[in-house]
Amino acid sequence: MPTFVDLTKPPGNLMARITSTLLLCFAAATICAQSTAELPADFLRSIGKLYVVVAVIVVVFLGITFYLWRLDRRMTDLENQIDDHG
């Protein structure tokens, strides 16, 4: 028969769980830091595509910013119309 976790009771030895989780994260970060693999940015820069990626990100960000600015203007106009008629 499967055992279920009772979520109404506090977990046993919470400090030990937090410590082991932090230790595991630190160990994973150390292992990743020692890797000699080529980073994605270095790869993209080596084939000349990094600037394309940056340009696409900038265009998308500017598009979203412009859309939100226009939406704010329209909402302000509608609020002003409601205030004038109400």
N, C-alpha and C. Protein backbone atom coordinates (compact mmCIF):
# COMPACT_ATOMS: atom_id res chain seq x y z
N MET A 1 0.84 -1.18 0.00
CA MET A 1 0.00 0.00 0.00
C MET A 1 0.89 1.24 0.00
N PRO A 2 0.62 2.22 -0.90
CA PRO A 2 1.48 3.40 -0.97
C PRO A 2 1.29 4.30 0.24
N THR A 3 2.37 4.94 0.64
CA THR A 3 2.29 5.87 1.75
C THR A 3 2.18 7.28 1.19
N PHE A 4 1.38 8.10 1.84
CA PHE A 4 1.17 9.46 1.40
C PHE A 4 1.78 10.42 2.41
N VAL A 5 2.19 11.56 1.93
CA VAL A 5 2.77 12.58 2.79
C VAL A 5 1.64 13.39 3.40
N ASP A 6 1.66 13.53 4.71
CA ASP A 6 0.65 14.34 5.40
C ASP A 6 1.12 15.79 5.36
N LEU A 7 0.42 16.62 4.57
CA LEU A 7 0.83 18.00 4.40
C LEU A 7 0.41 18.89 5.56
N THR A 8 -0.38 18.36 6.48
CA THR A 8 -0.82 19.16 7.62
C THR A 8 0.23 19.21 8.71
N LYS A 9 1.16 18.26 8.73
CA LYS A 9 2.21 18.22 9.74
C LYS A 9 3.47 18.87 9.20
N PRO A 10 4.21 19.57 10.04
CA PRO A 10 5.47 20.16 9.58
C PRO A 10 6.48 19.06 9.27
N PRO A 11 7.33 19.27 8.27
CA PRO A 11 8.31 18.24 7.92
C PRO A 11 9.33 18.06 9.04
N GLY A 12 9.79 16.84 9.20
CA GLY A 12 10.76 16.53 10.24
C GLY A 12 12.14 17.05 9.86
N ASN A 13 12.80 17.63 10.81
CA ASN A 13 14.17 18.10 10.66
C ASN A 13 14.33 19.00 9.44
N LEU A 14 13.61 20.10 9.45
CA LEU A 14 13.60 21.05 8.34
C LEU A 14 15.00 21.63 8.08
N MET A 15 15.74 21.88 9.13
CA MET A 15 17.08 22.46 8.96
C MET A 15 18.00 21.53 8.20
N ALA A 16 17.89 20.23 8.43
CA ALA A 16 18.72 19.26 7.71
C ALA A 16 18.36 19.23 6.24
N ARG A 17 17.08 19.35 5.93
CA ARG A 17 16.65 19.37 4.53
C ARG A 17 17.16 20.62 3.81
N ILE A 18 17.05 21.76 4.47
CA ILE A 18 17.53 23.01 3.87
C ILE A 18 19.04 22.94 3.65
N THR A 19 19.76 22.44 4.62
CA THR A 19 21.22 22.34 4.52
C THR A 19 21.62 21.41 3.39
N SER A 20 20.96 20.26 3.29
CA SER A 20 21.33 19.32 2.23
C SER A 20 20.96 19.88 0.85
N THR A 21 19.86 20.61 0.76
CA THR A 21 19.49 21.23 -0.52
C THR A 21 20.51 22.27 -0.94
N LEU A 22 20.92 23.12 -0.01
CA LEU A 22 21.94 24.13 -0.32
C LEU A 22 23.27 23.49 -0.69
N LEU A 23 23.63 22.43 0.00
CA LEU A 23 24.87 21.74 -0.31
C LEU A 23 24.82 21.13 -1.70
N LEU A 24 23.70 20.55 -2.05
CA LEU A 24 23.54 19.97 -3.39
C LEU A 24 23.62 21.05 -4.47
N CYS A 25 22.98 22.19 -4.24
CA CYS A 25 23.04 23.28 -5.21
C CYS A 25 24.47 23.80 -5.36
N PHE A 26 25.19 23.93 -4.24
CA PHE A 26 26.57 24.39 -4.28
C PHE A 26 27.45 23.41 -5.05
N ALA A 27 27.24 22.12 -4.82
CA ALA A 27 28.02 21.10 -5.52
C ALA A 27 27.74 21.14 -7.02
N ALA A 28 26.49 21.30 -7.39
CA ALA A 28 26.13 21.37 -8.81
C ALA A 28 26.75 22.60 -9.46
N ALA A 29 26.72 23.73 -8.76
CA ALA A 29 27.31 24.95 -9.31
C ALA A 29 28.82 24.81 -9.47
N THR A 30 29.47 24.14 -8.53
CA THR A 30 30.92 23.92 -8.62
C THR A 30 31.26 23.03 -9.80
N ILE A 31 30.48 22.00 -10.01
CA ILE A 31 30.74 21.10 -11.13
C ILE A 31 30.55 21.84 -12.46
N CYS A 32 29.51 22.65 -12.55
CA CYS A 32 29.25 23.39 -13.78
C CYS A 32 30.33 24.45 -14.03
N ALA A 33 30.86 25.03 -12.96
CA ALA A 33 31.87 26.07 -13.11
C ALA A 33 33.19 25.48 -13.61
N GLN A 34 33.45 24.21 -13.35
CA GLN A 34 34.69 23.59 -13.76
C GLN A 34 34.62 23.04 -15.18
N SER A 35 33.48 23.16 -15.80
CA SER A 35 33.31 22.63 -17.15
C SER A 35 34.14 23.43 -18.15
N THR A 36 34.75 22.74 -19.10
CA THR A 36 35.54 23.41 -20.12
C THR A 36 34.78 23.53 -21.42
N ALA A 37 33.49 23.24 -21.39
CA ALA A 37 32.67 23.31 -22.60
C ALA A 37 32.55 24.76 -23.05
N GLU A 38 32.34 24.93 -24.33
CA GLU A 38 32.20 26.27 -24.90
C GLU A 38 30.83 26.83 -24.53
N LEU A 39 30.82 28.07 -24.06
CA LEU A 39 29.57 28.71 -23.68
C LEU A 39 28.75 29.05 -24.92
N PRO A 40 27.41 29.10 -24.78
CA PRO A 40 26.58 29.43 -25.94
C PRO A 40 26.90 30.81 -26.53
N ALA A 41 27.23 31.77 -25.68
CA ALA A 41 27.57 33.10 -26.19
C ALA A 41 28.85 33.06 -27.02
N ASP A 42 29.84 32.27 -26.58
CA ASP A 42 31.08 32.15 -27.34
C ASP A 42 30.82 31.48 -28.68
N PHE A 43 29.97 30.46 -28.67
CA PHE A 43 29.64 29.78 -29.92
C PHE A 43 28.95 30.72 -30.89
N LEU A 44 27.95 31.47 -30.39
CA LEU A 44 27.22 32.39 -31.27
C LEU A 44 28.13 33.51 -31.78
N ARG A 45 29.04 33.97 -30.91
CA ARG A 45 29.96 35.02 -31.33
C ARG A 45 30.93 34.49 -32.39
N SER A 46 31.33 33.23 -32.25
CA SER A 46 32.30 32.67 -33.19
C SER A 46 31.70 32.51 -34.58
N ILE A 47 30.40 32.27 -34.68
CA ILE A 47 29.80 32.14 -36.01
C ILE A 47 29.09 33.43 -36.44
N GLY A 48 29.21 34.49 -35.63
CA GLY A 48 28.69 35.79 -36.01
C GLY A 48 27.19 35.95 -35.83
N LYS A 49 26.57 35.12 -35.03
CA LYS A 49 25.12 35.21 -34.86
C LYS A 49 24.72 35.89 -33.54
N LEU A 50 25.66 36.20 -32.69
CA LEU A 50 25.32 36.80 -31.40
C LEU A 50 24.62 38.14 -31.61
N TYR A 51 25.09 38.93 -32.55
CA TYR A 51 24.48 40.23 -32.77
C TYR A 51 23.07 40.09 -33.35
N VAL A 52 22.81 39.03 -34.08
CA VAL A 52 21.47 38.78 -34.59
C VAL A 52 20.53 38.47 -33.42
N VAL A 53 21.00 37.67 -32.50
CA VAL A 53 20.19 37.33 -31.32
C VAL A 53 19.91 38.58 -30.50
N VAL A 54 20.91 39.39 -30.27
CA VAL A 54 20.74 40.63 -29.51
C VAL A 54 19.77 41.56 -30.22
N ALA A 55 19.88 41.68 -31.54
CA ALA A 55 18.99 42.55 -32.31
C ALA A 55 17.55 42.07 -32.21
N VAL A 56 17.33 40.78 -32.29
CA VAL A 56 15.97 40.25 -32.19
C VAL A 56 15.39 40.53 -30.81
N ILE A 57 16.19 40.34 -29.77
CA ILE A 57 15.71 40.61 -28.41
C ILE A 57 15.37 42.08 -28.25
N VAL A 58 16.18 42.98 -28.79
CA VAL A 58 15.92 44.41 -28.69
C VAL A 58 14.65 44.78 -29.45
N VAL A 59 14.46 44.22 -30.63
CA VAL A 59 13.26 44.53 -31.42
C VAL A 59 12.01 44.04 -30.70
N VAL A 60 12.05 42.86 -30.13
CA VAL A 60 10.89 42.34 -29.40
C VAL A 60 10.61 43.21 -28.18
N PHE A 61 11.63 43.59 -27.44
CA PHE A 61 11.45 44.45 -26.28
C PHE A 61 10.86 45.80 -26.68
N LEU A 62 11.37 46.40 -27.74
CA LEU A 62 10.82 47.68 -28.20
C LEU A 62 9.38 47.54 -28.67
N GLY A 63 9.06 46.45 -29.34
CA GLY A 63 7.69 46.21 -29.78
C GLY A 63 6.73 46.08 -28.61
N ILE A 64 7.12 45.34 -27.59
CA ILE A 64 6.26 45.20 -26.42
C ILE A 64 6.11 46.53 -25.70
N THR A 65 7.19 47.29 -25.59
CA THR A 65 7.14 48.59 -24.94
C THR A 65 6.21 49.53 -25.70
N PHE A 66 6.30 49.58 -27.02
CA PHE A 66 5.44 50.43 -27.83
C PHE A 66 3.98 50.02 -27.69
N TYR A 67 3.72 48.71 -27.70
CA TYR A 67 2.36 48.21 -27.56
C TYR A 67 1.77 48.63 -26.21
N LEU A 68 2.53 48.48 -25.13
CA LEU A 68 2.04 48.86 -23.81
C LEU A 68 1.82 50.37 -23.71
N TRP A 69 2.67 51.16 -24.34
CA TRP A 69 2.51 52.60 -24.33
C TRP A 69 1.21 53.00 -25.03
N ARG A 70 0.96 52.40 -26.21
CA ARG A 70 -0.29 52.70 -26.94
C ARG A 70 -1.50 52.23 -26.16
N LEU A 71 -1.40 51.07 -25.53
CA LEU A 71 -2.51 50.55 -24.74
C LEU A 71 -2.81 51.48 -23.57
N ASP A 72 -1.78 52.01 -22.94
CA ASP A 72 -1.96 52.95 -21.83
C ASP A 72 -2.65 54.22 -22.31
N ARG A 73 -2.25 54.72 -23.47
CA ARG A 73 -2.89 55.93 -24.02
C ARG A 73 -4.36 55.68 -24.29
N ARG A 74 -4.68 54.54 -24.88
CA ARG A 74 -6.09 54.22 -25.17
C ARG A 74 -6.90 54.08 -23.89
N MET A 75 -6.32 53.43 -22.90
CA MET A 75 -7.02 53.28 -21.63
C MET A 75 -7.27 54.63 -20.97
N THR A 76 -6.30 55.53 -21.06
CA THR A 76 -6.46 56.86 -20.50
C THR A 76 -7.57 57.60 -21.22
N ASP A 77 -7.64 57.50 -22.54
CA ASP A 77 -8.70 58.14 -23.30
C ASP A 77 -10.07 57.59 -22.90
N LEU A 78 -10.17 56.27 -22.76
CA LEU A 78 -11.44 55.67 -22.34
C LEU A 78 -11.83 56.10 -20.93
N GLU A 79 -10.87 56.17 -20.03
CA GLU A 79 -11.17 56.63 -18.67
C GLU A 79 -11.66 58.06 -18.67
N ASN A 80 -11.04 58.89 -19.51
CA ASN A 80 -11.48 60.29 -19.61
C ASN A 80 -12.89 60.38 -20.17
N GLN A 81 -13.23 59.55 -21.16
CA GLN A 81 -14.59 59.54 -21.71
C GLN A 81 -15.60 59.10 -20.67
N ILE A 82 -15.26 58.10 -19.86
CA ILE A 82 -16.16 57.64 -18.81
C ILE A 82 -16.36 58.73 -17.79
N ASP A 83 -15.28 59.44 -17.41
CA ASP A 83 -15.39 60.53 -16.43
C ASP A 83 -16.24 61.67 -16.98
N ASP A 84 -16.14 61.97 -18.28
CA ASP A 84 -16.91 63.05 -18.88
C ASP A 84 -18.40 62.72 -18.93
N HIS A 85 -18.76 61.47 -19.19
CA HIS A 85 -20.16 61.08 -19.30
C HIS A 85 -20.77 60.69 -17.96
N GLY A 86 -19.96 60.42 -16.99
CA GLY A 86 -20.48 59.95 -15.69
C GLY A 86 -20.63 61.05 -14.75
